[in-house]
Amino acid sequence: MRALSSIVALSGLILAGGLALAQTAPTPPKPPKPPMAGMSHGDHARMTADHSMMDHGMIVAARQAGFHLTIAAFLGIKAGIARGDDVKKLALPAAAMASWGAVIPTMFPPHSDTPESDALPNVWTDRAGFEAAAAKMSAAARTLADLGKAGDAAGFATQFDALAKTCGECHTTYRKPEEKK
């Protein structure tokens, strides 16, 4: 159940990020601590163990919801850059993406490769590579958030491209190709 709590916390972060994009105040509110902040290795292990008690369909639905919220944050940031928005307002959704990147591996416990999942089997067979890819995405998003907080528009735009690359690399390696319509 702690995984679902992480999704709820992430949803709040991303929704707060959307509100930060919509506000006109010059400085966005400080982001709350990421849902995983301050958790020990044992907490992470217990969180992973909690998955065994959950229906795997629920896990897949929760992680898909998390990815959909991340896409919304990503597209909001992209639109903000294109509009020339103050990047300080874009730091919060970037921080939310960093938080999500930190919990992605916990959302793929063993045997959660249901037919509804778009994950490829190598999420589980190349676990170290998958976890490294999630950490790379999280770090790229954290750097993006830091550049946003600093008001570095040029660095923010460049780092956004680097973040997009980490997403694409992970999808290419660990996600089923999308069906062409």
N, C-alpha and C. Protein backbone atom coordinates (compact mmCIF):
# COMPACT_ATOMS: atom_id res chain seq x y z
N MET A 1 0.81 -1.19 0.00
CA MET A 1 0.00 0.00 0.00
C MET A 1 0.85 1.26 0.00
N ARG A 2 2.11 1.14 0.47
CA ARG A 2 2.97 2.32 0.49
C ARG A 2 3.26 2.79 -0.93
N ALA A 3 3.26 1.87 -1.90
CA ALA A 3 3.48 2.28 -3.28
C ALA A 3 2.36 3.19 -3.75
N LEU A 4 1.13 2.82 -3.39
CA LEU A 4 0.01 3.68 -3.76
C LEU A 4 0.11 5.03 -3.06
N SER A 5 0.61 5.03 -1.84
CA SER A 5 0.83 6.30 -1.14
C SER A 5 1.84 7.15 -1.89
N SER A 6 2.86 6.50 -2.45
CA SER A 6 3.86 7.24 -3.24
C SER A 6 3.21 7.85 -4.47
N ILE A 7 2.31 7.12 -5.10
CA ILE A 7 1.62 7.64 -6.28
C ILE A 7 0.75 8.83 -5.89
N VAL A 8 0.05 8.71 -4.77
CA VAL A 8 -0.79 9.82 -4.31
C VAL A 8 0.08 11.04 -4.04
N ALA A 9 1.21 10.84 -3.38
CA ALA A 9 2.11 11.96 -3.10
C ALA A 9 2.64 12.56 -4.40
N LEU A 10 3.01 11.70 -5.34
CA LEU A 10 3.50 12.18 -6.62
C LEU A 10 2.42 12.95 -7.35
N SER A 11 1.20 12.45 -7.30
CA SER A 11 0.09 13.15 -7.95
C SER A 11 -0.05 14.56 -7.38
N GLY A 12 0.08 14.67 -6.07
CA GLY A 12 0.01 15.98 -5.44
C GLY A 12 1.12 16.89 -5.91
N LEU A 13 2.32 16.34 -6.04
CA LEU A 13 3.45 17.14 -6.52
C LEU A 13 3.21 17.62 -7.95
N ILE A 14 2.74 16.73 -8.79
CA ILE A 14 2.54 17.11 -10.19
C ILE A 14 1.39 18.09 -10.31
N LEU A 15 0.32 17.87 -9.55
CA LEU A 15 -0.77 18.84 -9.57
C LEU A 15 -0.30 20.19 -9.07
N ALA A 16 0.52 20.18 -8.03
CA ALA A 16 1.08 21.44 -7.53
C ALA A 16 1.94 22.08 -8.61
N GLY A 17 2.66 21.26 -9.36
CA GLY A 17 3.46 21.79 -10.45
C GLY A 17 2.60 22.43 -11.52
N GLY A 18 1.46 21.83 -11.82
CA GLY A 18 0.54 22.42 -12.79
C GLY A 18 -0.01 23.74 -12.29
N LEU A 19 -0.28 23.79 -11.00
CA LEU A 19 -0.74 25.06 -10.42
C LEU A 19 0.36 26.11 -10.48
N ALA A 20 1.60 25.67 -10.28
CA ALA A 20 2.72 26.61 -10.36
C ALA A 20 2.84 27.17 -11.77
N LEU A 21 2.55 26.35 -12.77
CA LEU A 21 2.60 26.83 -14.15
C LEU A 21 1.50 27.85 -14.40
N ALA A 22 0.36 27.66 -13.76
CA ALA A 22 -0.79 28.53 -14.01
C ALA A 22 -0.75 29.82 -13.21
N GLN A 23 0.00 29.85 -12.14
CA GLN A 23 -0.01 31.04 -11.29
C GLN A 23 0.75 32.19 -11.93
N THR A 24 0.46 33.38 -11.48
CA THR A 24 1.13 34.56 -12.02
C THR A 24 2.11 35.15 -11.02
N ALA A 25 2.18 34.61 -9.83
CA ALA A 25 3.12 35.12 -8.84
C ALA A 25 4.54 34.90 -9.35
N PRO A 26 5.46 35.81 -9.02
CA PRO A 26 6.81 35.69 -9.56
C PRO A 26 7.60 34.51 -9.02
N THR A 27 7.27 34.01 -7.84
CA THR A 27 8.03 32.91 -7.27
C THR A 27 7.09 31.78 -6.90
N PRO A 28 7.33 30.56 -7.45
CA PRO A 28 6.46 29.43 -7.10
C PRO A 28 6.70 29.00 -5.66
N PRO A 29 5.73 28.29 -5.08
CA PRO A 29 5.94 27.80 -3.72
C PRO A 29 7.05 26.77 -3.70
N LYS A 30 7.66 26.61 -2.52
CA LYS A 30 8.71 25.61 -2.39
C LYS A 30 8.07 24.23 -2.50
N PRO A 31 8.70 23.32 -3.26
CA PRO A 31 8.11 21.99 -3.39
C PRO A 31 8.21 21.22 -2.08
N PRO A 32 7.21 20.37 -1.82
CA PRO A 32 7.30 19.53 -0.63
C PRO A 32 8.41 18.51 -0.82
N LYS A 33 8.81 17.90 0.29
CA LYS A 33 9.83 16.87 0.18
C LYS A 33 9.32 15.74 -0.70
N PRO A 34 10.20 15.15 -1.51
CA PRO A 34 9.76 14.02 -2.33
C PRO A 34 9.23 12.90 -1.44
N PRO A 35 8.32 12.08 -1.98
CA PRO A 35 7.72 11.04 -1.16
C PRO A 35 8.72 10.06 -0.58
N MET A 36 9.90 9.93 -1.17
CA MET A 36 10.88 8.96 -0.70
C MET A 36 11.92 9.61 0.22
N ALA A 37 11.86 10.92 0.42
CA ALA A 37 12.88 11.62 1.21
C ALA A 37 12.93 11.06 2.62
N GLY A 38 14.12 10.82 3.08
CA GLY A 38 14.32 10.37 4.44
C GLY A 38 14.03 8.90 4.68
N MET A 39 13.73 8.15 3.64
CA MET A 39 13.44 6.73 3.83
C MET A 39 14.74 5.95 3.86
N SER A 40 14.82 5.00 4.77
CA SER A 40 15.99 4.15 4.87
C SER A 40 15.90 3.02 3.85
N HIS A 41 17.01 2.31 3.70
CA HIS A 41 17.01 1.14 2.81
C HIS A 41 15.96 0.13 3.27
N GLY A 42 15.81 -0.01 4.58
CA GLY A 42 14.80 -0.93 5.11
C GLY A 42 13.39 -0.52 4.73
N ASP A 43 13.14 0.81 4.74
CA ASP A 43 11.83 1.30 4.31
C ASP A 43 11.58 0.94 2.86
N HIS A 44 12.61 1.09 2.03
CA HIS A 44 12.47 0.74 0.61
C HIS A 44 12.18 -0.76 0.47
N ALA A 45 12.87 -1.57 1.26
CA ALA A 45 12.66 -3.02 1.20
C ALA A 45 11.23 -3.37 1.63
N ARG A 46 10.76 -2.73 2.71
CA ARG A 46 9.39 -2.99 3.15
C ARG A 46 8.39 -2.53 2.11
N MET A 47 8.69 -1.40 1.44
CA MET A 47 7.78 -0.91 0.40
C MET A 47 7.69 -1.94 -0.72
N THR A 48 8.84 -2.48 -1.10
CA THR A 48 8.84 -3.49 -2.15
C THR A 48 8.09 -4.73 -1.68
N ALA A 49 8.28 -5.11 -0.43
CA ALA A 49 7.57 -6.27 0.10
C ALA A 49 6.07 -6.04 0.12
N ASP A 50 5.65 -4.80 0.36
CA ASP A 50 4.22 -4.50 0.35
C ASP A 50 3.58 -4.84 -0.99
N HIS A 51 4.36 -4.75 -2.06
CA HIS A 51 3.82 -5.06 -3.38
C HIS A 51 3.31 -6.49 -3.46
N SER A 52 3.95 -7.41 -2.72
CA SER A 52 3.55 -8.81 -2.81
C SER A 52 2.13 -9.00 -2.30
N MET A 53 1.66 -8.09 -1.48
CA MET A 53 0.31 -8.20 -0.95
C MET A 53 -0.71 -7.52 -1.86
N MET A 54 -0.25 -6.80 -2.86
CA MET A 54 -1.15 -6.08 -3.74
C MET A 54 -1.43 -6.90 -4.99
N ASP A 55 -2.56 -6.67 -5.56
CA ASP A 55 -2.89 -7.25 -6.85
C ASP A 55 -1.97 -6.63 -7.89
N HIS A 56 -1.36 -7.45 -8.73
CA HIS A 56 -0.42 -6.93 -9.72
C HIS A 56 -1.10 -6.00 -10.72
N GLY A 57 -2.37 -6.22 -10.98
CA GLY A 57 -3.10 -5.30 -11.85
C GLY A 57 -3.17 -3.90 -11.26
N MET A 58 -3.30 -3.83 -9.93
CA MET A 58 -3.31 -2.53 -9.26
C MET A 58 -1.96 -1.85 -9.38
N ILE A 59 -0.90 -2.63 -9.28
CA ILE A 59 0.45 -2.07 -9.39
C ILE A 59 0.64 -1.49 -10.79
N VAL A 60 0.24 -2.25 -11.80
CA VAL A 60 0.38 -1.78 -13.18
C VAL A 60 -0.44 -0.50 -13.37
N ALA A 61 -1.66 -0.49 -12.88
CA ALA A 61 -2.51 0.71 -13.01
C ALA A 61 -1.89 1.90 -12.30
N ALA A 62 -1.33 1.67 -11.11
CA ALA A 62 -0.71 2.76 -10.35
C ALA A 62 0.51 3.31 -11.08
N ARG A 63 1.35 2.42 -11.59
CA ARG A 63 2.55 2.94 -12.27
C ARG A 63 2.18 3.61 -13.58
N GLN A 64 1.16 3.10 -14.28
CA GLN A 64 0.73 3.77 -15.51
C GLN A 64 0.18 5.16 -15.19
N ALA A 65 -0.55 5.28 -14.09
CA ALA A 65 -1.05 6.60 -13.67
C ALA A 65 0.12 7.53 -13.37
N GLY A 66 1.13 7.02 -12.71
CA GLY A 66 2.32 7.82 -12.42
C GLY A 66 3.01 8.30 -13.68
N PHE A 67 3.11 7.41 -14.67
CA PHE A 67 3.74 7.81 -15.93
C PHE A 67 2.87 8.83 -16.68
N HIS A 68 1.57 8.68 -16.61
CA HIS A 68 0.69 9.66 -17.27
C HIS A 68 0.83 11.04 -16.63
N LEU A 69 0.92 11.06 -15.31
CA LEU A 69 1.11 12.34 -14.62
C LEU A 69 2.48 12.94 -14.97
N THR A 70 3.47 12.08 -15.13
CA THR A 70 4.80 12.56 -15.50
C THR A 70 4.78 13.14 -16.91
N ILE A 71 4.05 12.50 -17.81
CA ILE A 71 3.92 13.04 -19.17
C ILE A 71 3.28 14.42 -19.12
N ALA A 72 2.27 14.58 -18.27
CA ALA A 72 1.62 15.89 -18.14
C ALA A 72 2.61 16.94 -17.65
N ALA A 73 3.42 16.59 -16.66
CA ALA A 73 4.43 17.53 -16.16
C ALA A 73 5.45 17.84 -17.25
N PHE A 74 5.90 16.81 -17.95
CA PHE A 74 6.88 16.97 -19.03
C PHE A 74 6.36 17.91 -20.11
N LEU A 75 5.12 17.67 -20.54
CA LEU A 75 4.54 18.52 -21.59
C LEU A 75 4.29 19.94 -21.09
N GLY A 76 3.94 20.08 -19.82
CA GLY A 76 3.77 21.41 -19.25
C GLY A 76 5.08 22.19 -19.24
N ILE A 77 6.16 21.50 -18.88
CA ILE A 77 7.48 22.14 -18.89
C ILE A 77 7.86 22.52 -20.31
N LYS A 78 7.65 21.59 -21.24
CA LYS A 78 7.98 21.85 -22.65
C LYS A 78 7.22 23.07 -23.17
N ALA A 79 5.94 23.15 -22.85
CA ALA A 79 5.13 24.29 -23.28
C ALA A 79 5.62 25.58 -22.62
N GLY A 80 5.98 25.50 -21.35
CA GLY A 80 6.49 26.67 -20.65
C GLY A 80 7.78 27.20 -21.26
N ILE A 81 8.66 26.28 -21.65
CA ILE A 81 9.90 26.69 -22.32
C ILE A 81 9.57 27.37 -23.64
N ALA A 82 8.67 26.76 -24.40
CA ALA A 82 8.30 27.31 -25.72
C ALA A 82 7.67 28.70 -25.59
N ARG A 83 6.90 28.92 -24.51
CA ARG A 83 6.26 30.22 -24.30
C ARG A 83 7.22 31.25 -23.73
N GLY A 84 8.37 30.80 -23.25
CA GLY A 84 9.31 31.71 -22.62
C GLY A 84 8.95 32.03 -21.18
N ASP A 85 8.24 31.11 -20.52
CA ASP A 85 7.86 31.31 -19.12
C ASP A 85 9.11 31.43 -18.24
N ASP A 86 8.93 32.06 -17.10
CA ASP A 86 9.98 32.12 -16.09
C ASP A 86 10.26 30.69 -15.63
N VAL A 87 11.49 30.23 -15.80
CA VAL A 87 11.81 28.84 -15.47
C VAL A 87 11.69 28.55 -13.98
N LYS A 88 11.67 29.58 -13.15
CA LYS A 88 11.45 29.35 -11.72
C LYS A 88 10.08 28.72 -11.49
N LYS A 89 9.12 29.05 -12.35
CA LYS A 89 7.78 28.46 -12.24
C LYS A 89 7.75 27.01 -12.72
N LEU A 90 8.78 26.60 -13.44
CA LEU A 90 8.82 25.25 -13.98
C LEU A 90 9.63 24.30 -13.11
N ALA A 91 10.23 24.82 -12.05
CA ALA A 91 11.06 23.99 -11.18
C ALA A 91 10.25 22.94 -10.42
N LEU A 92 9.04 23.28 -10.00
CA LEU A 92 8.24 22.35 -9.21
C LEU A 92 7.86 21.09 -9.98
N PRO A 93 7.32 21.19 -11.20
CA PRO A 93 7.04 19.94 -11.91
C PRO A 93 8.31 19.16 -12.24
N ALA A 94 9.43 19.84 -12.42
CA ALA A 94 10.70 19.12 -12.64
C ALA A 94 11.09 18.35 -11.39
N ALA A 95 10.89 18.95 -10.22
CA ALA A 95 11.18 18.26 -8.96
C ALA A 95 10.26 17.06 -8.78
N ALA A 96 9.00 17.20 -9.20
CA ALA A 96 8.07 16.07 -9.12
C ALA A 96 8.54 14.92 -10.00
N MET A 97 9.05 15.25 -11.17
CA MET A 97 9.57 14.20 -12.05
C MET A 97 10.78 13.52 -11.42
N ALA A 98 11.62 14.28 -10.73
CA ALA A 98 12.77 13.69 -10.05
C ALA A 98 12.31 12.72 -8.96
N SER A 99 11.27 13.11 -8.23
CA SER A 99 10.72 12.23 -7.19
C SER A 99 10.17 10.95 -7.79
N TRP A 100 9.46 11.07 -8.90
CA TRP A 100 8.92 9.89 -9.57
C TRP A 100 10.06 8.98 -10.03
N GLY A 101 11.10 9.56 -10.60
CA GLY A 101 12.24 8.76 -11.05
C GLY A 101 12.83 7.93 -9.92
N ALA A 102 12.82 8.49 -8.71
CA ALA A 102 13.36 7.77 -7.56
C ALA A 102 12.52 6.56 -7.16
N VAL A 103 11.21 6.59 -7.45
CA VAL A 103 10.36 5.47 -7.04
C VAL A 103 10.03 4.51 -8.19
N ILE A 104 10.40 4.86 -9.40
CA ILE A 104 10.06 4.00 -10.54
C ILE A 104 10.44 2.54 -10.30
N PRO A 105 11.66 2.21 -9.88
CA PRO A 105 11.99 0.79 -9.71
C PRO A 105 11.07 0.06 -8.74
N THR A 106 10.59 0.73 -7.70
CA THR A 106 9.71 0.07 -6.73
C THR A 106 8.35 -0.24 -7.32
N MET A 107 8.03 0.38 -8.44
CA MET A 107 6.73 0.17 -9.08
C MET A 107 6.75 -1.01 -10.06
N PHE A 108 7.89 -1.70 -10.14
CA PHE A 108 8.03 -2.84 -11.03
C PHE A 108 8.51 -4.06 -10.25
N PRO A 109 7.72 -4.52 -9.26
CA PRO A 109 8.13 -5.70 -8.50
C PRO A 109 8.04 -6.95 -9.38
N PRO A 110 8.69 -8.03 -8.94
CA PRO A 110 8.60 -9.28 -9.71
C PRO A 110 7.15 -9.68 -9.96
N HIS A 111 6.92 -10.26 -11.09
CA HIS A 111 5.61 -10.80 -11.49
C HIS A 111 4.55 -9.73 -11.75
N SER A 112 4.97 -8.49 -11.97
CA SER A 112 3.98 -7.45 -12.29
C SER A 112 3.99 -7.15 -13.79
N ASP A 113 4.36 -8.15 -14.56
CA ASP A 113 4.37 -8.01 -16.02
C ASP A 113 3.08 -8.58 -16.61
N THR A 114 1.98 -7.98 -16.22
CA THR A 114 0.66 -8.42 -16.67
C THR A 114 0.44 -8.00 -18.12
N PRO A 115 -0.58 -8.55 -18.79
CA PRO A 115 -0.85 -8.17 -20.18
C PRO A 115 -1.11 -6.66 -20.35
N GLU A 116 -1.60 -6.01 -19.31
CA GLU A 116 -1.87 -4.57 -19.40
C GLU A 116 -0.60 -3.74 -19.37
N SER A 117 0.49 -4.35 -18.96
CA SER A 117 1.76 -3.63 -18.81
C SER A 117 2.45 -3.44 -20.16
N ASP A 118 3.07 -2.28 -20.31
CA ASP A 118 3.87 -2.01 -21.50
C ASP A 118 5.34 -2.29 -21.26
N ALA A 119 5.67 -2.82 -20.08
CA ALA A 119 7.06 -3.10 -19.74
C ALA A 119 7.55 -4.34 -20.48
N LEU A 120 8.79 -4.26 -20.95
CA LEU A 120 9.43 -5.41 -21.57
C LEU A 120 10.01 -6.31 -20.47
N PRO A 121 10.21 -7.60 -20.75
CA PRO A 121 10.74 -8.51 -19.73
C PRO A 121 12.10 -8.08 -19.17
N ASN A 122 12.90 -7.34 -19.95
CA ASN A 122 14.22 -6.98 -19.44
C ASN A 122 14.17 -5.96 -18.30
N VAL A 123 12.98 -5.41 -17.98
CA VAL A 123 12.85 -4.61 -16.75
C VAL A 123 13.26 -5.48 -15.57
N TRP A 124 12.92 -6.76 -15.61
CA TRP A 124 13.21 -7.68 -14.53
C TRP A 124 14.49 -8.46 -14.76
N THR A 125 14.81 -8.78 -16.01
CA THR A 125 16.02 -9.57 -16.28
C THR A 125 17.28 -8.71 -16.26
N ASP A 126 17.16 -7.43 -16.54
CA ASP A 126 18.28 -6.48 -16.47
C ASP A 126 17.95 -5.43 -15.41
N ARG A 127 17.72 -5.92 -14.21
CA ARG A 127 17.26 -5.04 -13.13
C ARG A 127 18.25 -3.91 -12.84
N ALA A 128 19.54 -4.24 -12.82
CA ALA A 128 20.54 -3.20 -12.53
C ALA A 128 20.52 -2.11 -13.59
N GLY A 129 20.39 -2.50 -14.85
CA GLY A 129 20.32 -1.51 -15.92
C GLY A 129 19.06 -0.66 -15.82
N PHE A 130 17.94 -1.30 -15.48
CA PHE A 130 16.68 -0.57 -15.34
C PHE A 130 16.75 0.43 -14.19
N GLU A 131 17.28 -0.01 -13.07
CA GLU A 131 17.41 0.90 -11.93
C GLU A 131 18.35 2.05 -12.24
N ALA A 132 19.42 1.76 -12.98
CA ALA A 132 20.36 2.82 -13.37
C ALA A 132 19.68 3.82 -14.31
N ALA A 133 18.84 3.33 -15.21
CA ALA A 133 18.12 4.23 -16.13
C ALA A 133 17.15 5.13 -15.36
N ALA A 134 16.46 4.57 -14.38
CA ALA A 134 15.54 5.38 -13.56
C ALA A 134 16.31 6.41 -12.76
N ALA A 135 17.45 6.01 -12.21
CA ALA A 135 18.28 6.95 -11.44
C ALA A 135 18.81 8.07 -12.34
N LYS A 136 19.16 7.72 -13.57
CA LYS A 136 19.65 8.73 -14.52
C LYS A 136 18.55 9.74 -14.84
N MET A 137 17.33 9.25 -15.02
CA MET A 137 16.20 10.14 -15.28
C MET A 137 15.95 11.04 -14.08
N SER A 138 15.97 10.45 -12.88
CA SER A 138 15.74 11.22 -11.67
C SER A 138 16.80 12.30 -11.49
N ALA A 139 18.05 11.96 -11.73
CA ALA A 139 19.14 12.94 -11.60
C ALA A 139 19.00 14.05 -12.63
N ALA A 140 18.62 13.70 -13.86
CA ALA A 140 18.44 14.72 -14.90
C ALA A 140 17.29 15.66 -14.54
N ALA A 141 16.22 15.11 -13.98
CA ALA A 141 15.09 15.95 -13.57
C ALA A 141 15.46 16.81 -12.36
N ARG A 142 16.26 16.27 -11.45
CA ARG A 142 16.71 17.04 -10.28
C ARG A 142 17.57 18.22 -10.74
N THR A 143 18.47 17.97 -11.69
CA THR A 143 19.30 19.05 -12.24
C THR A 143 18.42 20.10 -12.91
N LEU A 144 17.41 19.64 -13.64
CA LEU A 144 16.47 20.56 -14.28
C LEU A 144 15.78 21.44 -13.24
N ALA A 145 15.32 20.83 -12.16
CA ALA A 145 14.66 21.59 -11.09
C ALA A 145 15.61 22.61 -10.48
N ASP A 146 16.85 22.20 -10.26
CA ASP A 146 17.84 23.12 -9.68
C ASP A 146 18.11 24.30 -10.60
N LEU A 147 18.22 24.04 -11.90
CA LEU A 147 18.42 25.13 -12.86
C LEU A 147 17.22 26.05 -12.90
N GLY A 148 16.03 25.47 -12.78
CA GLY A 148 14.82 26.29 -12.73
C GLY A 148 14.81 27.18 -11.51
N LYS A 149 15.12 26.60 -10.35
CA LYS A 149 15.15 27.39 -9.11
C LYS A 149 16.14 28.54 -9.22
N ALA A 150 17.25 28.29 -9.92
CA ALA A 150 18.29 29.32 -10.08
C ALA A 150 17.91 30.36 -11.13
N GLY A 151 16.86 30.09 -11.91
CA GLY A 151 16.44 31.04 -12.95
C GLY A 151 17.29 31.00 -14.20
N ASP A 152 18.02 29.92 -14.41
CA ASP A 152 18.91 29.77 -15.57
C ASP A 152 18.12 29.24 -16.77
N ALA A 153 17.54 30.14 -17.56
CA ALA A 153 16.66 29.74 -18.67
C ALA A 153 17.41 28.95 -19.74
N ALA A 154 18.61 29.39 -20.11
CA ALA A 154 19.37 28.68 -21.15
C ALA A 154 19.77 27.29 -20.67
N GLY A 155 20.28 27.21 -19.45
CA GLY A 155 20.66 25.91 -18.89
C GLY A 155 19.45 25.00 -18.72
N PHE A 156 18.33 25.59 -18.35
CA PHE A 156 17.09 24.83 -18.16
C PHE A 156 16.66 24.19 -19.48
N ALA A 157 16.67 24.97 -20.56
CA ALA A 157 16.26 24.44 -21.87
C ALA A 157 17.18 23.33 -22.32
N THR A 158 18.48 23.51 -22.12
CA THR A 158 19.45 22.47 -22.50
C THR A 158 19.25 21.21 -21.67
N GLN A 159 19.05 21.39 -20.37
CA GLN A 159 18.85 20.24 -19.48
C GLN A 159 17.53 19.54 -19.77
N PHE A 160 16.52 20.27 -20.20
CA PHE A 160 15.25 19.64 -20.57
C PHE A 160 15.49 18.64 -21.70
N ASP A 161 16.31 19.03 -22.67
CA ASP A 161 16.64 18.11 -23.77
C ASP A 161 17.37 16.88 -23.24
N ALA A 162 18.26 17.07 -22.27
CA ALA A 162 18.98 15.94 -21.67
C ALA A 162 18.00 15.01 -20.93
N LEU A 163 17.04 15.60 -20.23
CA LEU A 163 16.02 14.80 -19.55
C LEU A 163 15.21 14.01 -20.56
N ALA A 164 14.79 14.66 -21.63
CA ALA A 164 14.01 13.97 -22.67
C ALA A 164 14.78 12.78 -23.22
N LYS A 165 16.08 12.94 -23.37
CA LYS A 165 16.92 11.85 -23.89
C LYS A 165 16.91 10.66 -22.93
N THR A 166 16.96 10.92 -21.62
CA THR A 166 16.94 9.80 -20.66
C THR A 166 15.62 9.06 -20.73
N CYS A 167 14.53 9.80 -20.93
CA CYS A 167 13.22 9.15 -21.05
C CYS A 167 13.20 8.25 -22.28
N GLY A 168 13.66 8.78 -23.40
CA GLY A 168 13.67 8.02 -24.64
C GLY A 168 14.54 6.78 -24.57
N GLU A 169 15.71 6.91 -23.93
CA GLU A 169 16.61 5.76 -23.80
C GLU A 169 15.95 4.65 -22.99
N CYS A 170 15.29 5.01 -21.92
CA CYS A 170 14.64 4.00 -21.08
C CYS A 170 13.48 3.35 -21.83
N HIS A 171 12.68 4.16 -22.51
CA HIS A 171 11.56 3.61 -23.26
C HIS A 171 12.04 2.67 -24.36
N THR A 172 13.11 3.02 -25.04
CA THR A 172 13.64 2.17 -26.11
C THR A 172 14.07 0.81 -25.57
N THR A 173 14.66 0.81 -24.39
CA THR A 173 15.22 -0.41 -23.83
C THR A 173 14.23 -1.22 -23.01
N TYR A 174 13.33 -0.56 -22.30
CA TYR A 174 12.51 -1.25 -21.31
C TYR A 174 11.01 -1.17 -21.54
N ARG A 175 10.57 -0.57 -22.61
CA ARG A 175 9.13 -0.43 -22.87
C ARG A 175 8.79 -0.99 -24.24
N LYS A 176 7.63 -1.66 -24.30
CA LYS A 176 7.16 -2.17 -25.59
C LYS A 176 6.95 -1.00 -26.54
N PRO A 177 7.27 -1.19 -27.82
CA PRO A 177 7.01 -0.11 -28.79
C PRO A 177 5.52 0.19 -28.86
N GLU A 178 5.21 1.47 -29.04
CA GLU A 178 3.81 1.86 -29.17
C GLU A 178 3.29 1.39 -30.51
N GLU A 179 2.04 0.94 -30.51
CA GLU A 179 1.42 0.50 -31.76
C GLU A 179 1.10 1.71 -32.61
N LYS A 180 1.41 1.60 -33.88
CA LYS A 180 1.10 2.69 -34.82
C LYS A 180 -0.38 2.65 -35.14
N LYS A 181 -0.99 3.82 -35.19
CA LYS A 181 -2.43 3.88 -35.47
C LYS A 181 -2.69 4.15 -36.92
